[in-house]
Amino acid sequence: MRAIRFLFKLLVYFVLVTVAWVGLYALVPPPVTATMLLDENGITKEWTSFSDISPNMVRAVIAAEDGKFCSHNGFDTEAIQKAMERNAQGGRIRGGSTISQQVAKNAFLWQDGGFFRKGLEAYFTFLIETIWSKKRIMEVYLNIAETGIGTYGVQAGAQRYYNKDARDLAGIEAARIAAALPLPKKRAVNGASGFTRRYGNTIAARINVVRNEKLDGCIYK
């Protein structure tokens, strides 16, 4: 019984601390993440409020990473199922993570890990979808996502690649940054060629689809 009471108290403390942590980040920028701290290349970042980020960038990441961002509750079950089917066939492991899941992982957890990390990721995804607005989730995502070697957030990425602020990114520029997001250390944004160039062009075309079909309706009313 003593062990059960201890575990129950531990669970209560865990819930209280994590809810307070997520609640705090609903109001203030995450100061640093585990990914940043473990980056041997250092950290270049500059928090930028949502109003100072080009809608092109927002629509580009929706087009590239999570077309159902505004309609799901943090989990895209169809994408997860497809990823599981592909992974069962062998080859390179692919994920079905939404932007919300990526924020949960990047803001509160670490990159590597098995089922335990994935379980925590699901828990934090539920919390941010419950406590934060979709706009806040997107704002945090665009500020902590790795956009290059030692570079975090779209403002730092825009400055690095185009020598301009994130608010001034053109569609193709935002699309190239979005195309590099899954592998920012390996995919070149400036002078993009091959797959990254083709994928960036595809994302640039999809930006109009996101706008016209209101796939960003939870953000831009």
C-alpha atoms as a PDB file:
ATOM      1  CA  MET A   1       0.000   0.000   0.000  1.00  0.00           C
ATOM      2  CA  ARG A   2       2.853   2.375   0.817  1.00  0.00           C
ATOM      3  CA  ALA A   3       4.361   1.819  -2.622  1.00  0.00           C
ATOM      4  CA  ILE A   4       0.989   2.437  -4.271  1.00  0.00           C
ATOM      5  CA  ARG A   5       0.525   5.688  -2.352  1.00  0.00           C
ATOM      6  CA  PHE A   6       4.024   6.779  -3.337  1.00  0.00           C
ATOM      7  CA  LEU A   7       3.381   6.045  -7.008  1.00  0.00           C
ATOM      8  CA  PHE A   8       0.050   7.866  -6.848  1.00  0.00           C
ATOM      9  CA  LYS A   9       1.685  10.949  -5.319  1.00  0.00           C
ATOM     10  CA  LEU A  10       4.435  10.774  -7.923  1.00  0.00           C
ATOM     11  CA  LEU A  11       1.833  10.685 -10.687  1.00  0.00           C
ATOM     12  CA  VAL A  12      -0.052  13.647  -9.210  1.00  0.00           C
ATOM     13  CA  TYR A  13       3.154  15.679  -8.915  1.00  0.00           C
ATOM     14  CA  PHE A  14       4.094  14.777 -12.488  1.00  0.00           C
ATOM     15  CA  VAL A  15       0.719  15.955 -13.819  1.00  0.00           C
ATOM     16  CA  LEU A  16       0.813  19.178 -11.793  1.00  0.00           C
ATOM     17  CA  VAL A  17       4.361  20.034 -12.860  1.00  0.00           C
ATOM     18  CA  THR A  18       3.820  19.262 -16.531  1.00  0.00           C
ATOM     19  CA  VAL A  19       0.512  21.128 -16.711  1.00  0.00           C
ATOM     20  CA  ALA A  20       2.178  24.151 -15.079  1.00  0.00           C
ATOM     21  CA  TRP A  21       5.108  23.858 -17.489  1.00  0.00           C
ATOM     22  CA  VAL A  22       2.865  23.764 -20.536  1.00  0.00           C
ATOM     23  CA  GLY A  23       0.774  26.592 -19.095  1.00  0.00           C
ATOM     24  CA  LEU A  24       3.897  28.710 -18.620  1.00  0.00           C
ATOM     25  CA  TYR A  25       4.975  28.176 -22.226  1.00  0.00           C
ATOM     26  CA  ALA A  26       1.542  29.319 -23.327  1.00  0.00           C
ATOM     27  CA  LEU A  27       2.583  32.743 -22.086  1.00  0.00           C
ATOM     28  CA  VAL A  28       6.378  32.962 -22.413  1.00  0.00           C
ATOM     29  CA  PRO A  29       8.805  31.725 -25.080  1.00  0.00           C
ATOM     30  CA  PRO A  30      10.609  28.446 -24.328  1.00  0.00           C
ATOM     31  CA  PRO A  31      14.096  29.712 -23.415  1.00  0.00           C
ATOM     32  CA  VAL A  32      15.961  26.683 -24.739  1.00  0.00           C
ATOM     33  CA  THR A  33      15.303  23.077 -25.740  1.00  0.00           C
ATOM     34  CA  ALA A  34      17.152  19.800 -25.207  1.00  0.00           C
ATOM     35  CA  THR A  35      17.960  19.692 -28.924  1.00  0.00           C
ATOM     36  CA  MET A  36      19.581  23.114 -28.728  1.00  0.00           C
ATOM     37  CA  LEU A  37      21.593  22.230 -25.616  1.00  0.00           C
ATOM     38  CA  LEU A  38      22.919  19.070 -27.244  1.00  0.00           C
ATOM     39  CA  ASP A  39      23.804  20.768 -30.535  1.00  0.00           C
ATOM     40  CA  GLU A  40      27.588  20.755 -30.943  1.00  0.00           C
ATOM     41  CA  ASN A  41      27.288  23.549 -33.503  1.00  0.00           C
ATOM     42  CA  GLY A  42      26.011  26.079 -30.976  1.00  0.00           C
ATOM     43  CA  ILE A  43      22.730  27.956 -31.007  1.00  0.00           C
ATOM     44  CA  THR A  44      21.624  30.822 -33.219  1.00  0.00           C
ATOM     45  CA  LYS A  45      18.042  31.851 -32.557  1.00  0.00           C
ATOM     46  CA  GLU A  46      15.814  34.893 -32.213  1.00  0.00           C
ATOM     47  CA  TRP A  47      12.284  34.614 -30.885  1.00  0.00           C
ATOM     48  CA  THR A  48       9.857  36.294 -33.245  1.00  0.00           C
ATOM     49  CA  SER A  49       6.203  36.955 -32.462  1.00  0.00           C
ATOM     50  CA  PHE A  50       3.629  35.398 -34.758  1.00  0.00           C
ATOM     51  CA  SER A  51       2.620  38.758 -36.187  1.00  0.00           C
ATOM     52  CA  ASP A  52       6.188  39.240 -37.436  1.00  0.00           C
ATOM     53  CA  ILE A  53       6.268  35.976 -39.431  1.00  0.00           C
ATOM     54  CA  SER A  54       5.150  35.923 -43.046  1.00  0.00           C
ATOM     55  CA  PRO A  55       1.937  34.002 -43.753  1.00  0.00           C
ATOM     56  CA  ASN A  56       3.953  32.398 -46.560  1.00  0.00           C
ATOM     57  CA  MET A  57       6.050  30.639 -43.922  1.00  0.00           C
ATOM     58  CA  VAL A  58       3.018  29.479 -41.969  1.00  0.00           C
ATOM     59  CA  ARG A  59       1.330  28.122 -45.074  1.00  0.00           C
ATOM     60  CA  ALA A  60       4.540  26.526 -46.301  1.00  0.00           C
ATOM     61  CA  VAL A  61       4.963  24.410 -43.176  1.00  0.00           C
ATOM     62  CA  ILE A  62       1.290  23.423 -43.218  1.00  0.00           C
ATOM     63  CA  ALA A  63       1.717  22.372 -46.863  1.00  0.00           C
ATOM     64  CA  ALA A  64       4.944  20.497 -46.144  1.00  0.00           C
ATOM     65  CA  GLU A  65       4.464  19.051 -42.686  1.00  0.00           C
ATOM     66  CA  ASP A  66       0.805  18.886 -41.688  1.00  0.00           C
ATOM     67  CA  GLY A  67      -2.003  19.638 -44.097  1.00  0.00           C
ATOM     68  CA  LYS A  68      -4.603  18.732 -41.470  1.00  0.00           C
ATOM     69  CA  PHE A  69      -3.113  20.996 -38.794  1.00  0.00           C
ATOM     70  CA  CYS A  70      -6.317  22.978 -38.338  1.00  0.00           C
ATOM     71  CA  SER A  71      -8.659  19.985 -38.339  1.00  0.00           C
ATOM     72  CA  HIS A  72      -6.974  17.404 -36.116  1.00  0.00           C
ATOM     73  CA  ASN A  73      -6.658  17.274 -32.332  1.00  0.00           C
ATOM     74  CA  GLY A  74      -2.905  16.824 -32.407  1.00  0.00           C
ATOM     75  CA  PHE A  75      -2.819  13.400 -34.038  1.00  0.00           C
ATOM     76  CA  ASP A  76      -3.340  12.528 -37.694  1.00  0.00           C
ATOM     77  CA  THR A  77      -4.448   8.907 -37.412  1.00  0.00           C
ATOM     78  CA  GLU A  78      -4.445   8.397 -41.185  1.00  0.00           C
ATOM     79  CA  ALA A  79      -0.848   9.599 -41.506  1.00  0.00           C
ATOM     80  CA  ILE A  80       0.223   7.442 -38.560  1.00  0.00           C
ATOM     81  CA  GLN A  81      -1.398   4.376 -40.125  1.00  0.00           C
ATOM     82  CA  LYS A  82       0.306   5.013 -43.465  1.00  0.00           C
ATOM     83  CA  ALA A  83       3.665   5.497 -41.750  1.00  0.00           C
ATOM     84  CA  MET A  84       3.234   2.197 -39.911  1.00  0.00           C
ATOM     85  CA  GLU A  85       2.411   0.418 -43.158  1.00  0.00           C
ATOM     86  CA  ARG A  86       5.474   1.866 -44.910  1.00  0.00           C
ATOM     87  CA  ASN A  87       7.731   1.023 -41.979  1.00  0.00           C
ATOM     88  CA  ALA A  88       6.455  -2.550 -41.925  1.00  0.00           C
ATOM     89  CA  GLN A  89       7.727  -2.918 -45.489  1.00  0.00           C
ATOM     90  CA  GLY A  90      11.266  -2.097 -44.376  1.00  0.00           C
ATOM     91  CA  GLY A  91      13.627   0.602 -45.542  1.00  0.00           C
ATOM     92  CA  ARG A  92      13.993   4.060 -44.026  1.00  0.00           C
ATOM     93  CA  ILE A  93      11.783   4.567 -40.969  1.00  0.00           C
ATOM     94  CA  ARG A  94       9.211   7.286 -41.517  1.00  0.00           C
ATOM     95  CA  GLY A  95       7.046   9.083 -39.007  1.00  0.00           C
ATOM     96  CA  GLY A  96       3.530  10.417 -39.123  1.00  0.00           C
ATOM     97  CA  SER A  97       4.058  13.249 -36.678  1.00  0.00           C
ATOM     98  CA  THR A  98       1.903  16.355 -36.818  1.00  0.00           C
ATOM     99  CA  ILE A  99       3.216  19.833 -36.126  1.00  0.00           C
ATOM    100  CA  SER A 100       1.677  19.556 -32.647  1.00  0.00           C
ATOM    101  CA  GLN A 101       3.610  16.353 -31.971  1.00  0.00           C
ATOM    102  CA  GLN A 102       6.813  17.951 -33.211  1.00  0.00           C
ATOM    103  CA  VAL A 103       6.283  20.901 -30.866  1.00  0.00           C
ATOM    104  CA  ALA A 104       5.651  18.538 -27.944  1.00  0.00           C
ATOM    105  CA  LYS A 105       8.890  16.708 -28.712  1.00  0.00           C
ATOM    106  CA  ASN A 106      11.023  19.757 -29.452  1.00  0.00           C
ATOM    107  CA  ALA A 107       9.805  21.975 -26.602  1.00  0.00           C
ATOM    108  CA  PHE A 108       9.549  19.460 -23.771  1.00  0.00           C
ATOM    109  CA  LEU A 109      11.483  16.301 -24.662  1.00  0.00           C
ATOM    110  CA  TRP A 110      14.474  14.992 -26.581  1.00  0.00           C
ATOM    111  CA  GLN A 111      15.012  13.650 -30.081  1.00  0.00           C
ATOM    112  CA  ASP A 112      15.909  10.022 -29.561  1.00  0.00           C
ATOM    113  CA  GLY A 113      14.068   7.368 -27.605  1.00  0.00           C
ATOM    114  CA  GLY A 114      11.666   4.539 -28.049  1.00  0.00           C
ATOM    115  CA  PHE A 115       8.139   3.919 -26.862  1.00  0.00           C
ATOM    116  CA  PHE A 116       8.687   5.745 -23.558  1.00  0.00           C
ATOM    117  CA  ARG A 117       9.588   8.995 -25.357  1.00  0.00           C
ATOM    118  CA  LYS A 118       6.724   8.516 -27.796  1.00  0.00           C
ATOM    119  CA  GLY A 119       4.331   8.036 -24.881  1.00  0.00           C
ATOM    120  CA  LEU A 120       5.494  11.273 -23.283  1.00  0.00           C
ATOM    121  CA  GLU A 121       5.212  12.976 -26.661  1.00  0.00           C
ATOM    122  CA  ALA A 122       1.572  11.900 -26.938  1.00  0.00           C
ATOM    123  CA  TYR A 123       0.904  13.180 -23.418  1.00  0.00           C
ATOM    124  CA  PHE A 124       2.463  16.598 -24.084  1.00  0.00           C
ATOM    125  CA  THR A 125       0.686  16.786 -27.441  1.00  0.00           C
ATOM    126  CA  PHE A 126      -2.624  16.333 -25.632  1.00  0.00           C
ATOM    127  CA  LEU A 127      -1.656  19.065 -23.143  1.00  0.00           C
ATOM    128  CA  ILE A 128      -0.660  21.684 -25.695  1.00  0.00           C
ATOM    129  CA  GLU A 129      -3.723  20.985 -27.839  1.00  0.00           C
ATOM    130  CA  THR A 130      -5.856  21.434 -24.701  1.00  0.00           C
ATOM    131  CA  ILE A 131      -4.126  24.452 -23.157  1.00  0.00           C
ATOM    132  CA  TRP A 132      -2.700  26.337 -26.137  1.00  0.00           C
ATOM    133  CA  SER A 133      -4.401  27.749 -29.207  1.00  0.00           C
ATOM    134  CA  LYS A 134      -3.463  26.463 -32.655  1.00  0.00           C
ATOM    135  CA  LYS A 135      -1.890  29.844 -33.311  1.00  0.00           C
ATOM    136  CA  ARG A 136       0.351  29.445 -30.260  1.00  0.00           C
ATOM    137  CA  ILE A 137       1.358  25.935 -31.322  1.00  0.00           C
ATOM    138  CA  MET A 138       2.370  27.283 -34.728  1.00  0.00           C
ATOM    139  CA  GLU A 139       4.199  30.243 -33.200  1.00  0.00           C
ATOM    140  CA  VAL A 140       6.292  27.992 -30.949  1.00  0.00           C
ATOM    141  CA  TYR A 141       6.941  25.557 -33.790  1.00  0.00           C
ATOM    142  CA  LEU A 142       8.244  28.289 -36.078  1.00  0.00           C
ATOM    143  CA  ASN A 143      10.532  29.577 -33.347  1.00  0.00           C
ATOM    144  CA  ILE A 144      12.146  26.357 -32.131  1.00  0.00           C
ATOM    145  CA  ALA A 145      12.297  24.176 -35.251  1.00  0.00           C
ATOM    146  CA  GLU A 146      15.831  23.541 -36.459  1.00  0.00           C
ATOM    147  CA  THR A 147      16.255  25.420 -39.747  1.00  0.00           C
ATOM    148  CA  GLY A 148      19.953  24.805 -40.348  1.00  0.00           C
ATOM    149  CA  ILE A 149      23.221  23.824 -38.716  1.00  0.00           C
ATOM    150  CA  GLY A 150      23.090  25.442 -35.272  1.00  0.00           C
ATOM    151  CA  THR A 151      20.152  27.561 -36.466  1.00  0.00           C
ATOM    152  CA  TYR A 152      16.735  27.513 -34.799  1.00  0.00           C
ATOM    153  CA  GLY A 153      13.538  29.257 -35.778  1.00  0.00           C
ATOM    154  CA  VAL A 154      12.441  30.832 -39.030  1.00  0.00           C
ATOM    155  CA  GLN A 155      13.759  34.280 -38.115  1.00  0.00           C
ATOM    156  CA  ALA A 156      17.311  32.939 -37.733  1.00  0.00           C
ATOM    157  CA  GLY A 157      16.800  30.866 -40.871  1.00  0.00           C
ATOM    158  CA  ALA A 158      15.576  33.840 -42.888  1.00  0.00           C
ATOM    159  CA  GLN A 159      18.544  35.904 -41.755  1.00  0.00           C
ATOM    160  CA  ARG A 160      20.994  33.094 -42.495  1.00  0.00           C
ATOM    161  CA  TYR A 161      19.736  32.176 -45.936  1.00  0.00           C
ATOM    162  CA  TYR A 162      18.200  35.368 -47.306  1.00  0.00           C
ATOM    163  CA  ASN A 163      19.527  38.166 -45.107  1.00  0.00           C
ATOM    164  CA  LYS A 164      15.990  39.333 -44.373  1.00  0.00           C
ATOM    165  CA  ASP A 165      13.413  39.069 -41.609  1.00  0.00           C
ATOM    166  CA  ALA A 166      10.883  36.254 -41.422  1.00  0.00           C
ATOM    167  CA  ARG A 167       8.068  38.744 -42.074  1.00  0.00           C
ATOM    168  CA  ASP A 168       9.503  39.464 -45.535  1.00  0.00           C
ATOM    169  CA  LEU A 169       9.899  35.915 -46.830  1.00  0.00           C
ATOM    170  CA  ALA A 170       8.545  35.345 -50.326  1.00  0.00           C
ATOM    171  CA  GLY A 171       6.636  32.178 -51.090  1.00  0.00           C
ATOM    172  CA  ILE A 172       9.522  30.313 -52.726  1.00  0.00           C
ATOM    173  CA  GLU A 173      11.896  31.339 -49.914  1.00  0.00           C
ATOM    174  CA  ALA A 174       9.537  30.076 -47.238  1.00  0.00           C
ATOM    175  CA  ALA A 175       8.994  26.898 -49.261  1.00  0.00           C
ATOM    176  CA  ARG A 176      12.735  26.195 -49.468  1.00  0.00           C
ATOM    177  CA  ILE A 177      13.085  26.554 -45.696  1.00  0.00           C
ATOM    178  CA  ALA A 178      10.085  24.246 -45.200  1.00  0.00           C
ATOM    179  CA  ALA A 179      11.574  21.713 -47.631  1.00  0.00           C
ATOM    180  CA  ALA A 180      14.730  21.512 -45.529  1.00  0.00           C
ATOM    181  CA  LEU A 181      12.985  21.163 -42.152  1.00  0.00           C
ATOM    182  CA  PRO A 182      13.021  17.350 -41.875  1.00  0.00           C
ATOM    183  CA  LEU A 183      16.814  17.235 -42.437  1.00  0.00           C
ATOM    184  CA  PRO A 184      18.109  20.781 -41.866  1.00  0.00           C
ATOM    185  CA  LYS A 185      21.726  19.668 -41.439  1.00  0.00           C
ATOM    186  CA  LYS A 186      21.739  17.870 -44.791  1.00  0.00           C
ATOM    187  CA  ARG A 187      19.398  19.809 -47.083  1.00  0.00           C
ATOM    188  CA  ALA A 188      20.751  23.067 -48.461  1.00  0.00           C
ATOM    189  CA  VAL A 189      18.367  26.015 -48.609  1.00  0.00           C
ATOM    190  CA  ASN A 190      20.610  28.422 -50.497  1.00  0.00           C
ATOM    191  CA  GLY A 191      21.468  26.990 -53.866  1.00  0.00           C
ATOM    192  CA  ALA A 192      19.043  24.153 -53.287  1.00  0.00           C
ATOM    193  CA  SER A 193      19.253  21.470 -55.941  1.00  0.00           C
ATOM    194  CA  GLY A 194      17.872  18.037 -56.659  1.00  0.00           C
ATOM    195  CA  PHE A 195      15.163  16.832 -54.319  1.00  0.00           C
ATOM    196  CA  THR A 196      15.175  19.919 -52.073  1.00  0.00           C
ATOM    197  CA  ARG A 197      14.707  22.240 -55.055  1.00  0.00           C
ATOM    198  CA  ARG A 198      11.908  20.141 -56.547  1.00  0.00           C
ATOM    199  CA  TYR A 199      10.212  19.688 -53.190  1.00  0.00           C
ATOM    200  CA  GLY A 200      10.515  23.399 -52.460  1.00  0.00           C
ATOM    201  CA  ASN A 201       8.832  24.210 -55.756  1.00  0.00           C
ATOM    202  CA  THR A 202       6.015  21.797 -54.912  1.00  0.00           C
ATOM    203  CA  ILE A 203       5.529  23.384 -51.492  1.00  0.00           C
ATOM    204  CA  ALA A 204       5.509  26.866 -53.059  1.00  0.00           C
ATOM    205  CA  ALA A 205       2.637  25.788 -55.303  1.00  0.00           C
ATOM    206  CA  ARG A 206       0.787  24.273 -52.341  1.00  0.00           C
ATOM    207  CA  ILE A 207       0.930  27.578 -50.428  1.00  0.00           C
ATOM    208  CA  ASN A 208      -1.903  28.865 -52.607  1.00  0.00           C
ATOM    209  CA  VAL A 209      -3.864  25.671 -51.975  1.00  0.00           C
ATOM    210  CA  VAL A 210      -3.519  26.132 -48.216  1.00  0.00           C
ATOM    211  CA  ARG A 211      -4.787  29.702 -48.503  1.00  0.00           C
ATOM    212  CA  ASN A 212      -7.582  29.055 -50.997  1.00  0.00           C
ATOM    213  CA  GLU A 213      -8.913  25.958 -49.230  1.00  0.00           C
ATOM    214  CA  LYS A 214      -8.677  27.614 -45.792  1.00  0.00           C
ATOM    215  CA  LEU A 215      -6.359  24.924 -44.441  1.00  0.00           C
ATOM    216  CA  ASP A 216      -4.983  27.726 -42.257  1.00  0.00           C
ATOM    217  CA  GLY A 217      -8.456  28.738 -41.041  1.00  0.00           C
ATOM    218  CA  CYS A 218      -7.653  28.089 -37.383  1.00  0.00           C
ATOM    219  CA  ILE A 219      -4.932  30.747 -37.624  1.00  0.00           C
ATOM    220  CA  TYR A 220      -6.123  33.318 -40.165  1.00  0.00           C
ATOM    221  CA  LYS A 221      -9.827  34.009 -39.772  1.00  0.00           C
END
